[in-house]
Amino acid sequence: MSAIETGLSRRALIAGGVAGGVLAPLPAQSQTRSPTMVTTIRVDDAITTLVNVFIVEPDNQATVLAMLQDGTETLFRKRPGWISTNLHKSRDGKRVIVYSQWRDAKDIEAFRQDPTVQPYLQSFGALSKSEAFICDVAYSLHV
C-alpha cells in the first residue's frame, strides 16, 4: 500500500505563518514578479492622473527634481489614494514634469488641502512656475 502525503502547500504554509505572526508579509509585487510596482498607463476609470509641469531655470532643474523626489518618498507615497509618481526632466533643463497616478481626484484634493503639506507646495514658488491638471488616460498603446 502506498503512503499518501498530507503536507501543507507552500501557499497554505506561508499564509498560516503570516496569520500567526511567524512570518512577515511579503512586499507587493507586480504581475511580472518584480519586487517593485511599476506605473501602468492604460485607459482605466479607476485611476486619476495628475500632471504637473514646472518651468524652471536650467540651474534649478536638479534642485526641483531633488525636492520632488524627496516629497514623493516622504509625503506622496504615504497619502491615501496615491499609486505612483514619475518625474521627467526636459533635456534643455527648462522643465520638470510630474506624472502621478491616484485612485481619484478627492485624494488629490485632500493632499493639496492638508496644512502639513502647504509649506512643501509653497517651496516651489521661488524656483519655478507651475501648472497642474487632472487627466484621464484617453488612449494608450503598449508593445
C-alpha atoms as a PDB file:
ATOM      1  CA  MET A   1       0.000   0.000   0.000  1.00  0.00           C
ATOM      2  CA  SER A   2       1.463   3.407  -0.964  1.00  0.00           C
ATOM      3  CA  ALA A   3       1.731   6.264   1.511  1.00  0.00           C
ATOM      4  CA  ILE A   4      -0.360   9.396   0.960  1.00  0.00           C
ATOM      5  CA  GLU A   5       1.383  12.717   1.565  1.00  0.00           C
ATOM      6  CA  THR A   6      -0.695  15.160   3.578  1.00  0.00           C
ATOM      7  CA  GLY A   7       1.758  18.101   3.821  1.00  0.00           C
ATOM      8  CA  LEU A   8       0.629  21.684   3.509  1.00  0.00           C
ATOM      9  CA  SER A   9       1.054  23.506   0.225  1.00  0.00           C
ATOM     10  CA  ARG A  10       3.621  26.327   0.110  1.00  0.00           C
ATOM     11  CA  ARG A  11       0.783  28.874  -0.135  1.00  0.00           C
ATOM     12  CA  ALA A  12      -1.022  27.457   2.919  1.00  0.00           C
ATOM     13  CA  LEU A  13       2.222  27.311   4.890  1.00  0.00           C
ATOM     14  CA  ILE A  14       3.101  30.946   4.152  1.00  0.00           C
ATOM     15  CA  ALA A  15      -0.458  32.179   4.736  1.00  0.00           C
ATOM     16  CA  GLY A  16      -0.568  30.373   8.073  1.00  0.00           C
ATOM     17  CA  GLY A  17       2.818  31.780   9.069  1.00  0.00           C
ATOM     18  CA  VAL A  18       1.792  35.349   8.233  1.00  0.00           C
ATOM     19  CA  ALA A  19      -1.558  34.987  10.011  1.00  0.00           C
ATOM     20  CA  GLY A  20       0.147  33.526  13.072  1.00  0.00           C
ATOM     21  CA  GLY A  21       2.754  36.285  13.183  1.00  0.00           C
ATOM     22  CA  VAL A  22       5.615  33.875  12.458  1.00  0.00           C
ATOM     23  CA  LEU A  23       6.436  35.326   9.034  1.00  0.00           C
ATOM     24  CA  ALA A  24       6.379  38.927   7.909  1.00  0.00           C
ATOM     25  CA  PRO A  25       4.153  39.642   4.903  1.00  0.00           C
ATOM     26  CA  LEU A  26       5.991  39.806   1.603  1.00  0.00           C
ATOM     27  CA  PRO A  27       6.253  43.163  -0.173  1.00  0.00           C
ATOM     28  CA  ALA A  28       3.855  43.821  -3.026  1.00  0.00           C
ATOM     29  CA  GLN A  29       4.983  42.619  -6.410  1.00  0.00           C
ATOM     30  CA  SER A  30       3.996  43.478  -9.930  1.00  0.00           C
ATOM     31  CA  GLN A  31       2.456  40.924 -12.253  1.00  0.00           C
ATOM     32  CA  THR A  32       5.934  40.150 -13.569  1.00  0.00           C
ATOM     33  CA  ARG A  33       7.082  39.284 -10.023  1.00  0.00           C
ATOM     34  CA  SER A  34       9.307  42.357  -9.844  1.00  0.00           C
ATOM     35  CA  PRO A  35       9.733  43.358  -6.175  1.00  0.00           C
ATOM     36  CA  THR A  36       8.678  46.893  -7.011  1.00  0.00           C
ATOM     37  CA  MET A  37       5.436  48.070  -8.545  1.00  0.00           C
ATOM     38  CA  VAL A  38       5.614  49.910 -11.843  1.00  0.00           C
ATOM     39  CA  THR A  39       3.379  52.517 -13.366  1.00  0.00           C
ATOM     40  CA  THR A  40       0.938  51.087 -15.849  1.00  0.00           C
ATOM     41  CA  ILE A  41      -0.624  53.562 -18.235  1.00  0.00           C
ATOM     42  CA  ARG A  42      -3.922  52.340 -19.597  1.00  0.00           C
ATOM     43  CA  VAL A  43      -7.402  53.646 -20.231  1.00  0.00           C
ATOM     44  CA  ASP A  44      -8.972  52.955 -16.857  1.00  0.00           C
ATOM     45  CA  ASP A  45     -11.605  54.940 -14.965  1.00  0.00           C
ATOM     46  CA  ALA A  46     -10.243  53.554 -11.680  1.00  0.00           C
ATOM     47  CA  ILE A  47      -7.120  55.716 -11.938  1.00  0.00           C
ATOM     48  CA  THR A  48      -6.855  59.512 -11.940  1.00  0.00           C
ATOM     49  CA  THR A  49      -3.737  61.110 -13.365  1.00  0.00           C
ATOM     50  CA  LEU A  50      -2.225  64.309 -12.009  1.00  0.00           C
ATOM     51  CA  VAL A  51       0.236  66.081 -14.294  1.00  0.00           C
ATOM     52  CA  ASN A  52       2.369  68.947 -13.016  1.00  0.00           C
ATOM     53  CA  VAL A  53       4.606  70.957 -15.339  1.00  0.00           C
ATOM     54  CA  PHE A  54       7.281  73.045 -13.623  1.00  0.00           C
ATOM     55  CA  ILE A  55       9.011  75.718 -15.699  1.00  0.00           C
ATOM     56  CA  VAL A  56      12.482  76.262 -14.252  1.00  0.00           C
ATOM     57  CA  GLU A  57      15.767  77.950 -14.995  1.00  0.00           C
ATOM     58  CA  PRO A  58      18.217  75.260 -16.121  1.00  0.00           C
ATOM     59  CA  ASP A  59      20.338  75.890 -12.995  1.00  0.00           C
ATOM     60  CA  ASN A  60      17.310  75.000 -10.824  1.00  0.00           C
ATOM     61  CA  GLN A  61      16.197  71.809 -12.582  1.00  0.00           C
ATOM     62  CA  ALA A  62      18.284  69.469 -10.397  1.00  0.00           C
ATOM     63  CA  THR A  63      17.088  71.205  -7.222  1.00  0.00           C
ATOM     64  CA  VAL A  64      13.425  70.947  -8.213  1.00  0.00           C
ATOM     65  CA  LEU A  65      13.907  67.284  -9.158  1.00  0.00           C
ATOM     66  CA  ALA A  66      15.520  66.560  -5.781  1.00  0.00           C
ATOM     67  CA  MET A  67      12.694  68.336  -3.942  1.00  0.00           C
ATOM     68  CA  LEU A  68      10.083  66.379  -5.887  1.00  0.00           C
ATOM     69  CA  GLN A  69      11.849  63.084  -5.303  1.00  0.00           C
ATOM     70  CA  ASP A  70      12.065  63.790  -1.581  1.00  0.00           C
ATOM     71  CA  GLY A  71       8.406  64.827  -1.482  1.00  0.00           C
ATOM     72  CA  THR A  72       7.401  61.659  -3.310  1.00  0.00           C
ATOM     73  CA  GLU A  73       9.313  59.465  -0.871  1.00  0.00           C
ATOM     74  CA  THR A  74       8.267  61.278   2.315  1.00  0.00           C
ATOM     75  CA  LEU A  75       4.827  62.800   1.576  1.00  0.00           C
ATOM     76  CA  PHE A  76       3.058  61.454  -1.507  1.00  0.00           C
ATOM     77  CA  ARG A  77       3.614  57.751  -1.037  1.00  0.00           C
ATOM     78  CA  LYS A  78       2.044  57.839   2.424  1.00  0.00           C
ATOM     79  CA  ARG A  79      -1.143  59.516   1.256  1.00  0.00           C
ATOM     80  CA  PRO A  80      -4.419  57.631   0.867  1.00  0.00           C
ATOM     81  CA  GLY A  81      -5.111  57.004  -2.804  1.00  0.00           C
ATOM     82  CA  TRP A  82      -1.572  57.560  -4.091  1.00  0.00           C
ATOM     83  CA  ILE A  83      -0.432  54.912  -6.579  1.00  0.00           C
ATOM     84  CA  SER A  84       2.740  56.102  -8.306  1.00  0.00           C
ATOM     85  CA  THR A  85       4.805  59.123  -9.287  1.00  0.00           C
ATOM     86  CA  ASN A  86       7.209  59.516 -12.192  1.00  0.00           C
ATOM     87  CA  LEU A  87       9.497  62.506 -12.638  1.00  0.00           C
ATOM     88  CA  HIS A  88      10.588  63.628 -16.088  1.00  0.00           C
ATOM     89  CA  LYS A  89      13.187  66.263 -16.929  1.00  0.00           C
ATOM     90  CA  SER A  90      13.465  68.053 -20.228  1.00  0.00           C
ATOM     91  CA  ARG A  91      16.813  67.792 -21.945  1.00  0.00           C
ATOM     92  CA  ASP A  92      17.041  71.578 -22.265  1.00  0.00           C
ATOM     93  CA  GLY A  93      16.830  71.884 -18.453  1.00  0.00           C
ATOM     94  CA  LYS A  94      13.789  74.171 -18.548  1.00  0.00           C
ATOM     95  CA  ARG A  95      11.028  71.824 -17.416  1.00  0.00           C
ATOM     96  CA  VAL A  96      10.234  69.145 -14.879  1.00  0.00           C
ATOM     97  CA  ILE A  97       7.108  67.093 -15.457  1.00  0.00           C
ATOM     98  CA  VAL A  98       5.458  65.037 -12.736  1.00  0.00           C
ATOM     99  CA  TYR A  99       3.152  62.192 -13.769  1.00  0.00           C
ATOM    100  CA  SER A 100       1.293  60.845 -10.731  1.00  0.00           C
ATOM    101  CA  GLN A 101      -1.432  58.257 -10.515  1.00  0.00           C
ATOM    102  CA  TRP A 102      -4.081  58.413  -7.785  1.00  0.00           C
ATOM    103  CA  ARG A 103      -7.253  56.468  -7.039  1.00  0.00           C
ATOM    104  CA  ASP A 104      -9.420  59.561  -7.543  1.00  0.00           C
ATOM    105  CA  ALA A 105      -9.487  63.348  -7.596  1.00  0.00           C
ATOM    106  CA  LYS A 106     -10.761  63.514  -3.986  1.00  0.00           C
ATOM    107  CA  ASP A 107      -7.474  62.026  -2.769  1.00  0.00           C
ATOM    108  CA  ILE A 108      -5.509  64.621  -4.735  1.00  0.00           C
ATOM    109  CA  GLU A 109      -7.597  67.449  -3.319  1.00  0.00           C
ATOM    110  CA  ALA A 110      -7.227  66.128   0.246  1.00  0.00           C
ATOM    111  CA  PHE A 111      -3.462  66.051  -0.236  1.00  0.00           C
ATOM    112  CA  ARG A 112      -3.383  69.596  -1.589  1.00  0.00           C
ATOM    113  CA  GLN A 113      -5.541  70.927   1.280  1.00  0.00           C
ATOM    114  CA  ASP A 114      -3.585  69.246   4.072  1.00  0.00           C
ATOM    115  CA  PRO A 115      -1.998  72.062   6.139  1.00  0.00           C
ATOM    116  CA  THR A 116       1.128  69.983   6.787  1.00  0.00           C
ATOM    117  CA  VAL A 117       1.754  69.788   3.025  1.00  0.00           C
ATOM    118  CA  GLN A 118       1.323  73.517   2.326  1.00  0.00           C
ATOM    119  CA  PRO A 119       4.934  74.531   3.156  1.00  0.00           C
ATOM    120  CA  TYR A 120       6.216  71.851   0.777  1.00  0.00           C
ATOM    121  CA  LEU A 121       3.970  73.022  -2.060  1.00  0.00           C
ATOM    122  CA  GLN A 122       4.843  76.673  -1.449  1.00  0.00           C
ATOM    123  CA  SER A 123       8.586  75.938  -1.538  1.00  0.00           C
ATOM    124  CA  PHE A 124       8.419  75.603  -5.319  1.00  0.00           C
ATOM    125  CA  GLY A 125       7.231  79.189  -5.809  1.00  0.00           C
ATOM    126  CA  ALA A 126      10.714  80.710  -5.689  1.00  0.00           C
ATOM    127  CA  LEU A 127      12.223  78.128  -8.038  1.00  0.00           C
ATOM    128  CA  SER A 128       9.570  77.609 -10.682  1.00  0.00           C
ATOM    129  CA  LYS A 129       6.276  78.447 -12.247  1.00  0.00           C
ATOM    130  CA  SER A 130       3.944  75.502 -12.384  1.00  0.00           C
ATOM    131  CA  GLU A 131       0.708  74.310 -13.823  1.00  0.00           C
ATOM    132  CA  ALA A 132      -1.141  71.243 -12.563  1.00  0.00           C
ATOM    133  CA  PHE A 133      -4.077  69.471 -14.095  1.00  0.00           C
ATOM    134  CA  ILE A 134      -6.060  66.296 -13.519  1.00  0.00           C
ATOM    135  CA  CYS A 135      -6.324  63.952 -16.500  1.00  0.00           C
ATOM    136  CA  ASP A 136      -7.809  60.681 -17.611  1.00  0.00           C
ATOM    137  CA  VAL A 137      -5.902  58.436 -19.981  1.00  0.00           C
ATOM    138  CA  ALA A 138      -7.759  58.587 -23.295  1.00  0.00           C
ATOM    139  CA  TYR A 139      -5.538  56.247 -25.326  1.00  0.00           C
ATOM    140  CA  SER A 140      -2.556  54.021 -24.689  1.00  0.00           C
ATOM    141  CA  LEU A 141      -0.723  51.537 -26.940  1.00  0.00           C
ATOM    142  CA  HIS A 142       1.782  49.066 -25.500  1.00  0.00           C
ATOM    143  CA  VAL A 143       4.079  46.704 -27.283  1.00  0.00           C
END
